[in-house]
mmCIF file of all heavy atoms, coordinates in Angstrom:
data_MODEL
# 
_entry.id   MODEL 
# 
loop_
_atom_site.group_PDB 
_atom_site.id 
_atom_site.type_symbol 
_atom_site.label_atom_id 
_atom_site.label_alt_id 
_atom_site.label_comp_id 
_atom_site.label_asym_id 
_atom_site.label_entity_id 
_atom_site.label_seq_id 
_atom_site.pdbx_PDB_ins_code 
_atom_site.Cartn_x 
_atom_site.Cartn_y 
_atom_site.Cartn_z 
_atom_site.occupancy 
_atom_site.B_iso_or_equiv 
_atom_site.pdbx_formal_charge 
_atom_site.auth_seq_id 
_atom_site.auth_comp_id 
_atom_site.auth_asym_id 
_atom_site.auth_atom_id 
_atom_site.pdbx_PDB_model_num 
ATOM 1   N N   . LEU A 1 1  ? 0.872  -1.173 0.000   1.00 0.00 ? 1  LEU A N   1 
ATOM 2   C CA  . LEU A 1 1  ? 0.000  0.000  0.000   1.00 0.00 ? 1  LEU A CA  1 
ATOM 3   C C   . LEU A 1 1  ? 0.913  1.229  0.000   1.00 0.00 ? 1  LEU A C   1 
ATOM 4   O O   . LEU A 1 1  ? 1.615  1.465  0.983   1.00 0.00 ? 1  LEU A O   1 
ATOM 5   C CB  . LEU A 1 1  ? -0.935 0.015  1.210   1.00 0.00 ? 1  LEU A CB  1 
ATOM 6   C CG  . LEU A 1 1  ? -2.028 1.094  1.226   1.00 0.00 ? 1  LEU A CG  1 
ATOM 7   C CD1 . LEU A 1 1  ? -3.197 0.669  2.117   1.00 0.00 ? 1  LEU A CD1 1 
ATOM 8   C CD2 . LEU A 1 1  ? -1.525 2.462  1.692   1.00 0.00 ? 1  LEU A CD2 1 
ATOM 9   N N   . VAL A 1 2  ? 0.941  1.955  -1.093  1.00 0.00 ? 2  VAL A N   1 
ATOM 10  C CA  . VAL A 1 2  ? 1.787  3.142  -1.200  1.00 0.00 ? 2  VAL A CA  1 
ATOM 11  C C   . VAL A 1 2  ? 1.146  4.240  -0.350  1.00 0.00 ? 2  VAL A C   1 
ATOM 12  O O   . VAL A 1 2  ? 0.100  4.778  -0.696  1.00 0.00 ? 2  VAL A O   1 
ATOM 13  C CB  . VAL A 1 2  ? 1.937  3.594  -2.663  1.00 0.00 ? 2  VAL A CB  1 
ATOM 14  C CG1 . VAL A 1 2  ? 2.812  4.842  -2.742  1.00 0.00 ? 2  VAL A CG1 1 
ATOM 15  C CG2 . VAL A 1 2  ? 2.519  2.466  -3.511  1.00 0.00 ? 2  VAL A CG2 1 
ATOM 16  N N   . GLY A 1 3  ? 1.789  4.560  0.775   1.00 0.00 ? 3  GLY A N   1 
ATOM 17  C CA  . GLY A 1 3  ? 1.179  5.473  1.738   1.00 0.00 ? 3  GLY A CA  1 
ATOM 18  C C   . GLY A 1 3  ? 1.194  6.923  1.319   1.00 0.00 ? 3  GLY A C   1 
ATOM 19  O O   . GLY A 1 3  ? 0.348  7.714  1.774   1.00 0.00 ? 3  GLY A O   1 
ATOM 20  N N   . GLU A 1 4  ? 2.148  7.293  0.446   1.00 0.00 ? 4  GLU A N   1 
ATOM 21  C CA  . GLU A 1 4  ? 2.226  8.656  -0.074  1.00 0.00 ? 4  GLU A CA  1 
ATOM 22  C C   . GLU A 1 4  ? 2.859  8.647  -1.453  1.00 0.00 ? 4  GLU A C   1 
ATOM 23  O O   . GLU A 1 4  ? 3.824  7.931  -1.686  1.00 0.00 ? 4  GLU A O   1 
ATOM 24  C CB  . GLU A 1 4  ? 3.082  9.565  0.825   1.00 0.00 ? 4  GLU A CB  1 
ATOM 25  C CG  . GLU A 1 4  ? 2.516  9.877  2.189   1.00 0.00 ? 4  GLU A CG  1 
ATOM 26  C CD  . GLU A 1 4  ? 3.419  10.839 2.965   1.00 0.00 ? 4  GLU A CD  1 
ATOM 27  O OE1 . GLU A 1 4  ? 4.256  11.535 2.331   1.00 0.00 ? 4  GLU A OE1 1 
ATOM 28  O OE2 . GLU A 1 4  ? 3.293  10.881 4.203   1.00 0.00 ? 4  GLU A OE2 1 
ATOM 29  N N   . PHE A 1 5  ? 2.301  9.442  -2.353  1.00 0.00 ? 5  PHE A N   1 
ATOM 30  C CA  . PHE A 1 5  ? 2.989  9.894  -3.554  1.00 0.00 ? 5  PHE A CA  1 
ATOM 31  C C   . PHE A 1 5  ? 2.253  11.136 -4.024  1.00 0.00 ? 5  PHE A C   1 
ATOM 32  O O   . PHE A 1 5  ? 1.086  11.339 -3.710  1.00 0.00 ? 5  PHE A O   1 
ATOM 33  C CB  . PHE A 1 5  ? 3.029  8.812  -4.646  1.00 0.00 ? 5  PHE A CB  1 
ATOM 34  C CG  . PHE A 1 5  ? 1.750  8.677  -5.438  1.00 0.00 ? 5  PHE A CG  1 
ATOM 35  C CD1 . PHE A 1 5  ? 1.603  9.292  -6.672  1.00 0.00 ? 5  PHE A CD1 1 
ATOM 36  C CD2 . PHE A 1 5  ? 0.692  7.917  -4.946  1.00 0.00 ? 5  PHE A CD2 1 
ATOM 37  C CE1 . PHE A 1 5  ? 0.432  9.162  -7.404  1.00 0.00 ? 5  PHE A CE1 1 
ATOM 38  C CE2 . PHE A 1 5  ? -0.487 7.780  -5.666  1.00 0.00 ? 5  PHE A CE2 1 
ATOM 39  C CZ  . PHE A 1 5  ? -0.619 8.401  -6.905  1.00 0.00 ? 5  PHE A CZ  1 
ATOM 40  N N   . GLY A 1 6  ? 2.946  12.003 -4.736  1.00 0.00 ? 6  GLY A N   1 
ATOM 41  C CA  . GLY A 1 6  ? 2.288  13.216 -5.207  1.00 0.00 ? 6  GLY A CA  1 
ATOM 42  C C   . GLY A 1 6  ? 3.286  14.223 -5.724  1.00 0.00 ? 6  GLY A C   1 
ATOM 43  O O   . GLY A 1 6  ? 4.485  13.971 -5.794  1.00 0.00 ? 6  GLY A O   1 
ATOM 44  N N   . GLY A 1 7  ? 2.787  15.390 -6.097  1.00 0.00 ? 7  GLY A N   1 
ATOM 45  C CA  . GLY A 1 7  ? 3.618  16.455 -6.625  1.00 0.00 ? 7  GLY A CA  1 
ATOM 46  C C   . GLY A 1 7  ? 2.772  17.523 -7.272  1.00 0.00 ? 7  GLY A C   1 
ATOM 47  O O   . GLY A 1 7  ? 1.574  17.316 -7.522  1.00 0.00 ? 7  GLY A O   1 
ATOM 48  N N   . TYR A 1 8  ? 3.362  18.670 -7.537  1.00 0.00 ? 8  TYR A N   1 
ATOM 49  C CA  . TYR A 1 8  ? 2.637  19.775 -8.155  1.00 0.00 ? 8  TYR A CA  1 
ATOM 50  C C   . TYR A 1 8  ? 2.220  19.467 -9.591  1.00 0.00 ? 8  TYR A C   1 
ATOM 51  O O   . TYR A 1 8  ? 1.132  19.801 -10.030 1.00 0.00 ? 8  TYR A O   1 
ATOM 52  C CB  . TYR A 1 8  ? 3.501  21.045 -8.163  1.00 0.00 ? 8  TYR A CB  1 
ATOM 53  C CG  . TYR A 1 8  ? 3.499  21.816 -6.867  1.00 0.00 ? 8  TYR A CG  1 
ATOM 54  C CD1 . TYR A 1 8  ? 4.690  22.055 -6.190  1.00 0.00 ? 8  TYR A CD1 1 
ATOM 55  C CD2 . TYR A 1 8  ? 2.313  22.314 -6.333  1.00 0.00 ? 8  TYR A CD2 1 
ATOM 56  C CE1 . TYR A 1 8  ? 4.707  22.773 -5.002  1.00 0.00 ? 8  TYR A CE1 1 
ATOM 57  C CE2 . TYR A 1 8  ? 2.316  23.029 -5.144  1.00 0.00 ? 8  TYR A CE2 1 
ATOM 58  C CZ  . TYR A 1 8  ? 3.514  23.265 -4.483  1.00 0.00 ? 8  TYR A CZ  1 
ATOM 59  O OH  . TYR A 1 8  ? 3.514  23.965 -3.308  1.00 0.00 ? 8  TYR A OH  1 
ATOM 60  N N   . HIS A 1 9  ? 3.104  18.808 -10.334 1.00 0.00 ? 9  HIS A N   1 
ATOM 61  C CA  . HIS A 1 9  ? 2.929  18.727 -11.782 1.00 0.00 ? 9  HIS A CA  1 
ATOM 62  C C   . HIS A 1 9  ? 2.442  17.350 -12.225 1.00 0.00 ? 9  HIS A C   1 
ATOM 63  O O   . HIS A 1 9  ? 2.957  16.323 -11.782 1.00 0.00 ? 9  HIS A O   1 
ATOM 64  C CB  . HIS A 1 9  ? 4.253  19.046 -12.483 1.00 0.00 ? 9  HIS A CB  1 
ATOM 65  C CG  . HIS A 1 9  ? 4.829  20.378 -12.097 1.00 0.00 ? 9  HIS A CG  1 
ATOM 66  N ND1 . HIS A 1 9  ? 4.242  21.560 -12.441 1.00 0.00 ? 9  HIS A ND1 1 
ATOM 67  C CD2 . HIS A 1 9  ? 5.924  20.691 -11.363 1.00 0.00 ? 9  HIS A CD2 1 
ATOM 68  C CE1 . HIS A 1 9  ? 4.957  22.565 -11.963 1.00 0.00 ? 9  HIS A CE1 1 
ATOM 69  N NE2 . HIS A 1 9  ? 5.980  22.071 -11.291 1.00 0.00 ? 9  HIS A NE2 1 
ATOM 70  N N   . VAL A 1 10 ? 1.454  17.360 -13.125 1.00 0.00 ? 10 VAL A N   1 
ATOM 71  C CA  . VAL A 1 10 ? 0.939  16.114 -13.692 1.00 0.00 ? 10 VAL A CA  1 
ATOM 72  C C   . VAL A 1 10 ? 0.896  16.186 -15.217 1.00 0.00 ? 10 VAL A C   1 
ATOM 73  O O   . VAL A 1 10 ? 0.278  15.347 -15.859 1.00 0.00 ? 10 VAL A O   1 
ATOM 74  C CB  . VAL A 1 10 ? -0.473 15.786 -13.139 1.00 0.00 ? 10 VAL A CB  1 
ATOM 75  C CG1 . VAL A 1 10 ? -0.430 15.507 -11.658 1.00 0.00 ? 10 VAL A CG1 1 
ATOM 76  C CG2 . VAL A 1 10 ? -1.456 16.915 -13.444 1.00 0.00 ? 10 VAL A CG2 1 
ATOM 77  N N   . ASP A 1 11 ? 1.571  17.180 -15.810 1.00 0.00 ? 11 ASP A N   1 
ATOM 78  C CA  . ASP A 1 11 ? 1.543  17.370 -17.256 1.00 0.00 ? 11 ASP A CA  1 
ATOM 79  C C   . ASP A 1 11 ? 2.456  16.363 -17.963 1.00 0.00 ? 11 ASP A C   1 
ATOM 80  O O   . ASP A 1 11 ? 3.197  15.611 -17.335 1.00 0.00 ? 11 ASP A O   1 
ATOM 81  C CB  . ASP A 1 11 ? 1.985  18.799 -17.600 1.00 0.00 ? 11 ASP A CB  1 
ATOM 82  C CG  . ASP A 1 11 ? 3.389  19.083 -17.088 1.00 0.00 ? 11 ASP A CG  1 
ATOM 83  O OD1 . ASP A 1 11 ? 3.541  19.471 -15.904 1.00 0.00 ? 11 ASP A OD1 1 
ATOM 84  O OD2 . ASP A 1 11 ? 4.341  18.899 -17.871 1.00 0.00 ? 11 ASP A OD2 1 
ATOM 85  N N   . LYS A 1 12 ? 2.424  16.377 -19.276 1.00 0.00 ? 12 LYS A N   1 
ATOM 86  C CA  . LYS A 1 12 ? 3.181  15.422 -20.077 1.00 0.00 ? 12 LYS A CA  1 
ATOM 87  C C   . LYS A 1 12 ? 4.607  15.880 -20.355 1.00 0.00 ? 12 LYS A C   1 
ATOM 88  O O   . LYS A 1 12 ? 5.377  15.138 -20.976 1.00 0.00 ? 12 LYS A O   1 
ATOM 89  C CB  . LYS A 1 12 ? 2.478  15.200 -21.415 1.00 0.00 ? 12 LYS A CB  1 
ATOM 90  C CG  . LYS A 1 12 ? 1.080  14.618 -21.315 1.00 0.00 ? 12 LYS A CG  1 
ATOM 91  C CD  . LYS A 1 12 ? 0.463  14.485 -22.698 1.00 0.00 ? 12 LYS A CD  1 
ATOM 92  C CE  . LYS A 1 12 ? -0.952 13.925 -22.626 1.00 0.00 ? 12 LYS A CE  1 
ATOM 93  N NZ  . LYS A 1 12 ? -1.562 13.828 -23.978 1.00 0.00 ? 12 LYS A NZ  1 
ATOM 94  N N   . TYR A 1 13 ? 4.960  17.084 -19.930 1.00 0.00 ? 13 TYR A N   1 
ATOM 95  C CA  . TYR A 1 13 ? 6.216  17.674 -20.372 1.00 0.00 ? 13 TYR A CA  1 
ATOM 96  C C   . TYR A 1 13 ? 7.247  17.838 -19.248 1.00 0.00 ? 13 TYR A C   1 
ATOM 97  O O   . TYR A 1 13 ? 8.443  17.662 -19.489 1.00 0.00 ? 13 TYR A O   1 
ATOM 98  C CB  . TYR A 1 13 ? 5.937  19.023 -21.040 1.00 0.00 ? 13 TYR A CB  1 
ATOM 99  C CG  . TYR A 1 13 ? 4.875  18.927 -22.101 1.00 0.00 ? 13 TYR A CG  1 
ATOM 100 C CD1 . TYR A 1 13 ? 3.583  19.394 -21.862 1.00 0.00 ? 13 TYR A CD1 1 
ATOM 101 C CD2 . TYR A 1 13 ? 5.150  18.309 -23.321 1.00 0.00 ? 13 TYR A CD2 1 
ATOM 102 C CE1 . TYR A 1 13 ? 2.599  19.276 -22.828 1.00 0.00 ? 13 TYR A CE1 1 
ATOM 103 C CE2 . TYR A 1 13 ? 4.168  18.184 -24.299 1.00 0.00 ? 13 TYR A CE2 1 
ATOM 104 C CZ  . TYR A 1 13 ? 2.886  18.671 -24.043 1.00 0.00 ? 13 TYR A CZ  1 
ATOM 105 O OH  . TYR A 1 13 ? 1.910  18.541 -24.998 1.00 0.00 ? 13 TYR A OH  1 
ATOM 106 N N   . SER A 1 14 ? 6.822  18.184 -18.046 1.00 0.00 ? 14 SER A N   1 
ATOM 107 C CA  . SER A 1 14 ? 7.774  18.334 -16.943 1.00 0.00 ? 14 SER A CA  1 
ATOM 108 C C   . SER A 1 14 ? 8.190  16.958 -16.436 1.00 0.00 ? 14 SER A C   1 
ATOM 109 O O   . SER A 1 14 ? 7.458  15.977 -16.561 1.00 0.00 ? 14 SER A O   1 
ATOM 110 C CB  . SER A 1 14 ? 7.140  19.127 -15.797 1.00 0.00 ? 14 SER A CB  1 
ATOM 111 O OG  . SER A 1 14 ? 6.098  18.382 -15.186 1.00 0.00 ? 14 SER A OG  1 
ATOM 112 N N   . LYS A 1 15 ? 9.394  16.878 -15.857 1.00 0.00 ? 15 LYS A N   1 
ATOM 113 C CA  . LYS A 1 15 ? 9.874  15.590 -15.349 1.00 0.00 ? 15 LYS A CA  1 
ATOM 114 C C   . LYS A 1 15 ? 8.972  15.068 -14.242 1.00 0.00 ? 15 LYS A C   1 
ATOM 115 O O   . LYS A 1 15 ? 8.689  13.873 -14.171 1.00 0.00 ? 15 LYS A O   1 
ATOM 116 C CB  . LYS A 1 15 ? 11.317 15.721 -14.856 1.00 0.00 ? 15 LYS A CB  1 
ATOM 117 C CG  . LYS A 1 15 ? 12.334 15.921 -15.964 1.00 0.00 ? 15 LYS A CG  1 
ATOM 118 C CD  . LYS A 1 15 ? 13.767 15.773 -15.472 1.00 0.00 ? 15 LYS A CD  1 
ATOM 119 C CE  . LYS A 1 15 ? 14.166 14.340 -15.284 1.00 0.00 ? 15 LYS A CE  1 
ATOM 120 N NZ  . LYS A 1 15 ? 15.603 14.162 -15.005 1.00 0.00 ? 15 LYS A NZ  1 
ATOM 121 N N   . GLU A 1 16 ? 8.529  15.975 -13.351 1.00 0.00 ? 16 GLU A N   1 
ATOM 122 C CA  . GLU A 1 16 ? 7.652  15.525 -12.273 1.00 0.00 ? 16 GLU A CA  1 
ATOM 123 C C   . GLU A 1 16 ? 6.322  15.032 -12.825 1.00 0.00 ? 16 GLU A C   1 
ATOM 124 O O   . GLU A 1 16 ? 5.772  14.025 -12.354 1.00 0.00 ? 16 GLU A O   1 
ATOM 125 C CB  . GLU A 1 16 ? 7.408  16.652 -11.264 1.00 0.00 ? 16 GLU A CB  1 
ATOM 126 C CG  . GLU A 1 16 ? 6.611  16.173 -10.057 1.00 0.00 ? 16 GLU A CG  1 
ATOM 127 C CD  . GLU A 1 16 ? 6.338  17.276 -9.044  1.00 0.00 ? 16 GLU A CD  1 
ATOM 128 O OE1 . GLU A 1 16 ? 5.673  18.266 -9.416  1.00 0.00 ? 16 GLU A OE1 1 
ATOM 129 O OE2 . GLU A 1 16 ? 6.786  17.140 -7.905  1.00 0.00 ? 16 GLU A OE2 1 
ATOM 130 N N   . GLY A 1 17 ? 5.797  15.728 -13.839 1.00 0.00 ? 17 GLY A N   1 
ATOM 131 C CA  . GLY A 1 17 ? 4.546  15.294 -14.447 1.00 0.00 ? 17 GLY A CA  1 
ATOM 132 C C   . GLY A 1 17 ? 4.680  13.940 -15.110 1.00 0.00 ? 17 GLY A C   1 
ATOM 133 O O   . GLY A 1 17 ? 3.802  13.074 -14.982 1.00 0.00 ? 17 GLY A O   1 
ATOM 134 N N   . ILE A 1 18 ? 5.781  13.748 -15.838 1.00 0.00 ? 18 ILE A N   1 
ATOM 135 C CA  . ILE A 1 18 ? 6.033  12.449 -16.476 1.00 0.00 ? 18 ILE A CA  1 
ATOM 136 C C   . ILE A 1 18 ? 6.138  11.362 -15.422 1.00 0.00 ? 18 ILE A C   1 
ATOM 137 O O   . ILE A 1 18 ? 5.571  10.267 -15.567 1.00 0.00 ? 18 ILE A O   1 
ATOM 138 C CB  . ILE A 1 18 ? 7.321  12.520 -17.329 1.00 0.00 ? 18 ILE A CB  1 
ATOM 139 C CG1 . ILE A 1 18 ? 7.111  13.454 -18.517 1.00 0.00 ? 18 ILE A CG1 1 
ATOM 140 C CG2 . ILE A 1 18 ? 7.752  11.129 -17.791 1.00 0.00 ? 18 ILE A CG2 1 
ATOM 141 C CD1 . ILE A 1 18 ? 8.390  13.830 -19.239 1.00 0.00 ? 18 ILE A CD1 1 
ATOM 142 N N   . TRP A 1 19 ? 6.868  11.660 -14.328 1.00 0.00 ? 19 TRP A N   1 
ATOM 143 C CA  . TRP A 1 19 ? 7.032  10.687 -13.245 1.00 0.00 ? 19 TRP A CA  1 
ATOM 144 C C   . TRP A 1 19 ? 5.677  10.313 -12.626 1.00 0.00 ? 19 TRP A C   1 
ATOM 145 O O   . TRP A 1 19 ? 5.384  9.128  -12.425 1.00 0.00 ? 19 TRP A O   1 
ATOM 146 C CB  . TRP A 1 19 ? 7.955  11.267 -12.169 1.00 0.00 ? 19 TRP A CB  1 
ATOM 147 C CG  . TRP A 1 19 ? 7.913  10.479 -10.902 1.00 0.00 ? 19 TRP A CG  1 
ATOM 148 C CD1 . TRP A 1 19 ? 8.577  9.333  -10.633 1.00 0.00 ? 19 TRP A CD1 1 
ATOM 149 C CD2 . TRP A 1 19 ? 7.109  10.763 -9.755  1.00 0.00 ? 19 TRP A CD2 1 
ATOM 150 N NE1 . TRP A 1 19 ? 8.248  8.874  -9.378  1.00 0.00 ? 19 TRP A NE1 1 
ATOM 151 C CE2 . TRP A 1 19 ? 7.354  9.734  -8.823  1.00 0.00 ? 19 TRP A CE2 1 
ATOM 152 C CE3 . TRP A 1 19 ? 6.219  11.784 -9.434  1.00 0.00 ? 19 TRP A CE3 1 
ATOM 153 C CZ2 . TRP A 1 19 ? 6.720  9.710  -7.581  1.00 0.00 ? 19 TRP A CZ2 1 
ATOM 154 C CZ3 . TRP A 1 19 ? 5.602  11.754 -8.196  1.00 0.00 ? 19 TRP A CZ3 1 
ATOM 155 C CH2 . TRP A 1 19 ? 5.848  10.724 -7.281  1.00 0.00 ? 19 TRP A CH2 1 
ATOM 156 N N   . GLN A 1 20 ? 4.829  11.334 -12.317 1.00 0.00 ? 20 GLN A N   1 
ATOM 157 C CA  . GLN A 1 20 ? 3.524  11.031 -11.715 1.00 0.00 ? 20 GLN A CA  1 
ATOM 158 C C   . GLN A 1 20 ? 2.664  10.184 -12.644 1.00 0.00 ? 20 GLN A C   1 
ATOM 159 O O   . GLN A 1 20 ? 1.984  9.248  -12.199 1.00 0.00 ? 20 GLN A O   1 
ATOM 160 C CB  . GLN A 1 20 ? 2.778  12.321 -11.356 1.00 0.00 ? 20 GLN A CB  1 
ATOM 161 C CG  . GLN A 1 20 ? 3.206  12.946 -10.044 1.00 0.00 ? 20 GLN A CG  1 
ATOM 162 C CD  . GLN A 1 20 ? 2.064  13.644 -9.322  1.00 0.00 ? 20 GLN A CD  1 
ATOM 163 O OE1 . GLN A 1 20 ? 1.201  12.973 -8.755  1.00 0.00 ? 20 GLN A OE1 1 
ATOM 164 N NE2 . GLN A 1 20 ? 2.084  14.960 -9.325  1.00 0.00 ? 20 GLN A NE2 1 
ATOM 165 N N   . ARG A 1 21 ? 2.666  10.506 -13.925 1.00 0.00 ? 21 ARG A N   1 
ATOM 166 C CA  . ARG A 1 21 ? 1.865  9.737  -14.882 1.00 0.00 ? 21 ARG A CA  1 
ATOM 167 C C   . ARG A 1 21 ? 2.350  8.291  -14.973 1.00 0.00 ? 21 ARG A C   1 
ATOM 168 O O   . ARG A 1 21 ? 1.548  7.349  -15.006 1.00 0.00 ? 21 ARG A O   1 
ATOM 169 C CB  . ARG A 1 21 ? 1.928  10.398 -16.258 1.00 0.00 ? 21 ARG A CB  1 
ATOM 170 C CG  . ARG A 1 21 ? 1.114  11.678 -16.358 1.00 0.00 ? 21 ARG A CG  1 
ATOM 171 C CD  . ARG A 1 21 ? 1.375  12.445 -17.636 1.00 0.00 ? 21 ARG A CD  1 
ATOM 172 N NE  . ARG A 1 21 ? 0.462  13.561 -17.754 1.00 0.00 ? 21 ARG A NE  1 
ATOM 173 C CZ  . ARG A 1 21 ? -0.731 13.519 -18.369 1.00 0.00 ? 21 ARG A CZ  1 
ATOM 174 N NH1 . ARG A 1 21 ? -1.116 12.385 -18.948 1.00 0.00 ? 21 ARG A NH1 1 
ATOM 175 N NH2 . ARG A 1 21 ? -1.520 14.569 -18.413 1.00 0.00 ? 21 ARG A NH2 1 
ATOM 176 N N   . LYS A 1 22 ? 3.660  8.129  -14.995 1.00 0.00 ? 22 LYS A N   1 
ATOM 177 C CA  . LYS A 1 22 ? 4.222  6.773  -15.023 1.00 0.00 ? 22 LYS A CA  1 
ATOM 178 C C   . LYS A 1 22 ? 3.840  5.995  -13.769 1.00 0.00 ? 22 LYS A C   1 
ATOM 179 O O   . LYS A 1 22 ? 3.521  4.799  -13.830 1.00 0.00 ? 22 LYS A O   1 
ATOM 180 C CB  . LYS A 1 22 ? 5.745  6.844  -15.149 1.00 0.00 ? 22 LYS A CB  1 
ATOM 181 C CG  . LYS A 1 22 ? 6.253  7.232  -16.529 1.00 0.00 ? 22 LYS A CG  1 
ATOM 182 C CD  . LYS A 1 22 ? 6.228  6.058  -17.478 1.00 0.00 ? 22 LYS A CD  1 
ATOM 183 C CE  . LYS A 1 22 ? 6.901  6.381  -18.786 1.00 0.00 ? 22 LYS A CE  1 
ATOM 184 N NZ  . LYS A 1 22 ? 6.842  5.230  -19.735 1.00 0.00 ? 22 LYS A NZ  1 
ATOM 185 N N   . PHE A 1 23 ? 3.876  6.687  -12.631 1.00 0.00 ? 23 PHE A N   1 
ATOM 186 C CA  . PHE A 1 23 ? 3.586  5.986  -11.380 1.00 0.00 ? 23 PHE A CA  1 
ATOM 187 C C   . PHE A 1 23 ? 2.111  5.593  -11.291 1.00 0.00 ? 23 PHE A C   1 
ATOM 188 O O   . PHE A 1 23 ? 1.782  4.488  -10.828 1.00 0.00 ? 23 PHE A O   1 
ATOM 189 C CB  . PHE A 1 23 ? 3.979  6.847  -10.178 1.00 0.00 ? 23 PHE A CB  1 
ATOM 190 C CG  . PHE A 1 23 ? 4.055  6.070  -8.895  1.00 0.00 ? 23 PHE A CG  1 
ATOM 191 C CD1 . PHE A 1 23 ? 4.953  5.026  -8.754  1.00 0.00 ? 23 PHE A CD1 1 
ATOM 192 C CD2 . PHE A 1 23 ? 3.210  6.376  -7.833  1.00 0.00 ? 23 PHE A CD2 1 
ATOM 193 C CE1 . PHE A 1 23 ? 5.013  4.293  -7.573  1.00 0.00 ? 23 PHE A CE1 1 
ATOM 194 C CE2 . PHE A 1 23 ? 3.269  5.648  -6.647  1.00 0.00 ? 23 PHE A CE2 1 
ATOM 195 C CZ  . PHE A 1 23 ? 4.178  4.599  -6.525  1.00 0.00 ? 23 PHE A CZ  1 
ATOM 196 N N   . VAL A 1 24 ? 1.230  6.469  -11.732 1.00 0.00 ? 24 VAL A N   1 
ATOM 197 C CA  . VAL A 1 24 ? -0.202 6.121  -11.749 1.00 0.00 ? 24 VAL A CA  1 
ATOM 198 C C   . VAL A 1 24 ? -0.445 4.933  -12.667 1.00 0.00 ? 24 VAL A C   1 
ATOM 199 O O   . VAL A 1 24 ? -1.215 4.017  -12.326 1.00 0.00 ? 24 VAL A O   1 
ATOM 200 C CB  . VAL A 1 24 ? -1.049 7.340  -12.164 1.00 0.00 ? 24 VAL A CB  1 
ATOM 201 C CG1 . VAL A 1 24 ? -2.481 6.920  -12.496 1.00 0.00 ? 24 VAL A CG1 1 
ATOM 202 C CG2 . VAL A 1 24 ? -1.061 8.388  -11.049 1.00 0.00 ? 24 VAL A CG2 1 
ATOM 203 N N   . ASN A 1 25 ? 0.209  4.908  -13.815 1.00 0.00 ? 25 ASN A N   1 
ATOM 204 C CA  . ASN A 1 25 ? 0.079  3.758  -14.713 1.00 0.00 ? 25 ASN A CA  1 
ATOM 205 C C   . ASN A 1 25 ? 0.596  2.482  -14.052 1.00 0.00 ? 25 ASN A C   1 
ATOM 206 O O   . ASN A 1 25 ? 0.042  1.395  -14.242 1.00 0.00 ? 25 ASN A O   1 
ATOM 207 C CB  . ASN A 1 25 ? 0.832  4.008  -16.018 1.00 0.00 ? 25 ASN A CB  1 
ATOM 208 C CG  . ASN A 1 25 ? 0.145  5.039  -16.891 1.00 0.00 ? 25 ASN A CG  1 
ATOM 209 O OD1 . ASN A 1 25 ? -1.051 5.296  -16.737 1.00 0.00 ? 25 ASN A OD1 1 
ATOM 210 N ND2 . ASN A 1 25 ? 0.884  5.649  -17.795 1.00 0.00 ? 25 ASN A ND2 1 
ATOM 211 N N   . TYR A 1 26 ? 1.664  2.618  -13.256 1.00 0.00 ? 26 TYR A N   1 
ATOM 212 C CA  . TYR A 1 26 ? 2.228  1.467  -12.543 1.00 0.00 ? 26 TYR A CA  1 
ATOM 213 C C   . TYR A 1 26 ? 1.253  0.961  -11.483 1.00 0.00 ? 26 TYR A C   1 
ATOM 214 O O   . TYR A 1 26 ? 1.062  -0.249 -11.318 1.00 0.00 ? 26 TYR A O   1 
ATOM 215 C CB  . TYR A 1 26 ? 3.560  1.879  -11.908 1.00 0.00 ? 26 TYR A CB  1 
ATOM 216 C CG  . TYR A 1 26 ? 4.390  0.721  -11.402 1.00 0.00 ? 26 TYR A CG  1 
ATOM 217 C CD1 . TYR A 1 26 ? 5.111  -0.065 -12.293 1.00 0.00 ? 26 TYR A CD1 1 
ATOM 218 C CD2 . TYR A 1 26 ? 4.482  0.439  -10.041 1.00 0.00 ? 26 TYR A CD2 1 
ATOM 219 C CE1 . TYR A 1 26 ? 5.898  -1.120 -11.839 1.00 0.00 ? 26 TYR A CE1 1 
ATOM 220 C CE2 . TYR A 1 26 ? 5.267  -0.609 -9.583  1.00 0.00 ? 26 TYR A CE2 1 
ATOM 221 C CZ  . TYR A 1 26 ? 5.971  -1.382 -10.488 1.00 0.00 ? 26 TYR A CZ  1 
ATOM 222 O OH  . TYR A 1 26 ? 6.743  -2.428 -10.041 1.00 0.00 ? 26 TYR A OH  1 
ATOM 223 N N   . LEU A 1 27 ? 0.637  1.898  -10.759 1.00 0.00 ? 27 LEU A N   1 
ATOM 224 C CA  . LEU A 1 27 ? -0.374 1.513  -9.771  1.00 0.00 ? 27 LEU A CA  1 
ATOM 225 C C   . LEU A 1 27 ? -1.519 0.759  -10.432 1.00 0.00 ? 27 LEU A C   1 
ATOM 226 O O   . LEU A 1 27 ? -1.997 -0.261 -9.926  1.00 0.00 ? 27 LEU A O   1 
ATOM 227 C CB  . LEU A 1 27 ? -0.924 2.759  -9.079  1.00 0.00 ? 27 LEU A CB  1 
ATOM 228 C CG  . LEU A 1 27 ? 0.010  3.560  -8.171  1.00 0.00 ? 27 LEU A CG  1 
ATOM 229 C CD1 . LEU A 1 27 ? -0.672 4.842  -7.710  1.00 0.00 ? 27 LEU A CD1 1 
ATOM 230 C CD2 . LEU A 1 27 ? 0.444  2.748  -6.961  1.00 0.00 ? 27 LEU A CD2 1 
ATOM 231 N N   . LYS A 1 28 ? -1.955 1.278  -11.577 1.00 0.00 ? 28 LYS A N   1 
ATOM 232 C CA  . LYS A 1 28 ? -3.081 0.653  -12.286 1.00 0.00 ? 28 LYS A CA  1 
ATOM 233 C C   . LYS A 1 28 ? -2.706 -0.734 -12.800 1.00 0.00 ? 28 LYS A C   1 
ATOM 234 O O   . LYS A 1 28 ? -3.472 -1.693 -12.636 1.00 0.00 ? 28 LYS A O   1 
ATOM 235 C CB  . LYS A 1 28 ? -3.511 1.558  -13.436 1.00 0.00 ? 28 LYS A CB  1 
ATOM 236 C CG  . LYS A 1 28 ? -4.720 1.034  -14.203 1.00 0.00 ? 28 LYS A CG  1 
ATOM 237 C CD  . LYS A 1 28 ? -5.146 2.018  -15.283 1.00 0.00 ? 28 LYS A CD  1 
ATOM 238 C CE  . LYS A 1 28 ? -6.373 1.487  -16.032 1.00 0.00 ? 28 LYS A CE  1 
ATOM 239 N NZ  . LYS A 1 28 ? -6.828 2.446  -17.069 1.00 0.00 ? 28 LYS A NZ  1 
# 
């Protein structure tokens, strides 16, 4: 159970946004 993940950016272009999108896909 991933107790925390997050960040300001969820766009396709910033590194943090790319990371969050990848992680959500991994969770799914």
